[in-house]
């Protein structure tokens, strides 16, 4: 169960980082 929660957290963090990166790149 612990590994599943960790994987979910990692996936969420990755998506968050990607979104943040897109926002930074879209800014002039």
C-alpha atoms as a PDB file:
ATOM      1  CA  UNK A   1       0.000   0.000   0.000  1.00  0.00           C
ATOM      2  CA  UNK A   2       2.862   2.308   0.812  1.00  0.00           C
ATOM      3  CA  UNK A   3       4.397   1.870  -2.629  1.00  0.00           C
ATOM      4  CA  UNK A   4       1.075   2.669  -4.293  1.00  0.00           C
ATOM      5  CA  UNK A   5       0.704   5.914  -2.351  1.00  0.00           C
ATOM      6  CA  UNK A   6       4.308   6.824  -3.160  1.00  0.00           C
ATOM      7  CA  UNK A   7       3.759   6.182  -6.868  1.00  0.00           C
ATOM      8  CA  UNK A   8       0.604   8.271  -6.839  1.00  0.00           C
ATOM      9  CA  UNK A   9       2.411  11.108  -5.060  1.00  0.00           C
ATOM     10  CA  UNK A  10       5.296  10.898  -7.521  1.00  0.00           C
ATOM     11  CA  UNK A  11       2.917  11.010 -10.487  1.00  0.00           C
ATOM     12  CA  UNK A  12       1.089  13.983  -8.995  1.00  0.00           C
ATOM     13  CA  UNK A  13       4.354  15.796  -8.336  1.00  0.00           C
ATOM     14  CA  UNK A  14       5.549  15.119 -11.886  1.00  0.00           C
ATOM     15  CA  UNK A  15       2.349  16.513 -13.373  1.00  0.00           C
ATOM     16  CA  UNK A  16       2.588  19.558 -11.086  1.00  0.00           C
ATOM     17  CA  UNK A  17       6.184  20.199 -12.138  1.00  0.00           C
ATOM     18  CA  UNK A  18       5.276  19.829 -15.807  1.00  0.00           C
ATOM     19  CA  UNK A  19       2.407  22.297 -15.476  1.00  0.00           C
ATOM     20  CA  UNK A  20       4.644  24.745 -13.637  1.00  0.00           C
ATOM     21  CA  UNK A  21       7.296  24.382 -16.345  1.00  0.00           C
ATOM     22  CA  UNK A  22       4.721  25.090 -19.046  1.00  0.00           C
ATOM     23  CA  UNK A  23       3.566  28.217 -17.217  1.00  0.00           C
ATOM     24  CA  UNK A  24       7.125  29.495 -16.864  1.00  0.00           C
ATOM     25  CA  UNK A  25       7.906  28.800 -20.529  1.00  0.00           C
ATOM     26  CA  UNK A  26       4.710  30.476 -21.736  1.00  0.00           C
ATOM     27  CA  UNK A  27       5.630  33.678 -19.903  1.00  0.00           C
ATOM     28  CA  UNK A  28       7.621  36.257 -21.896  1.00  0.00           C
END
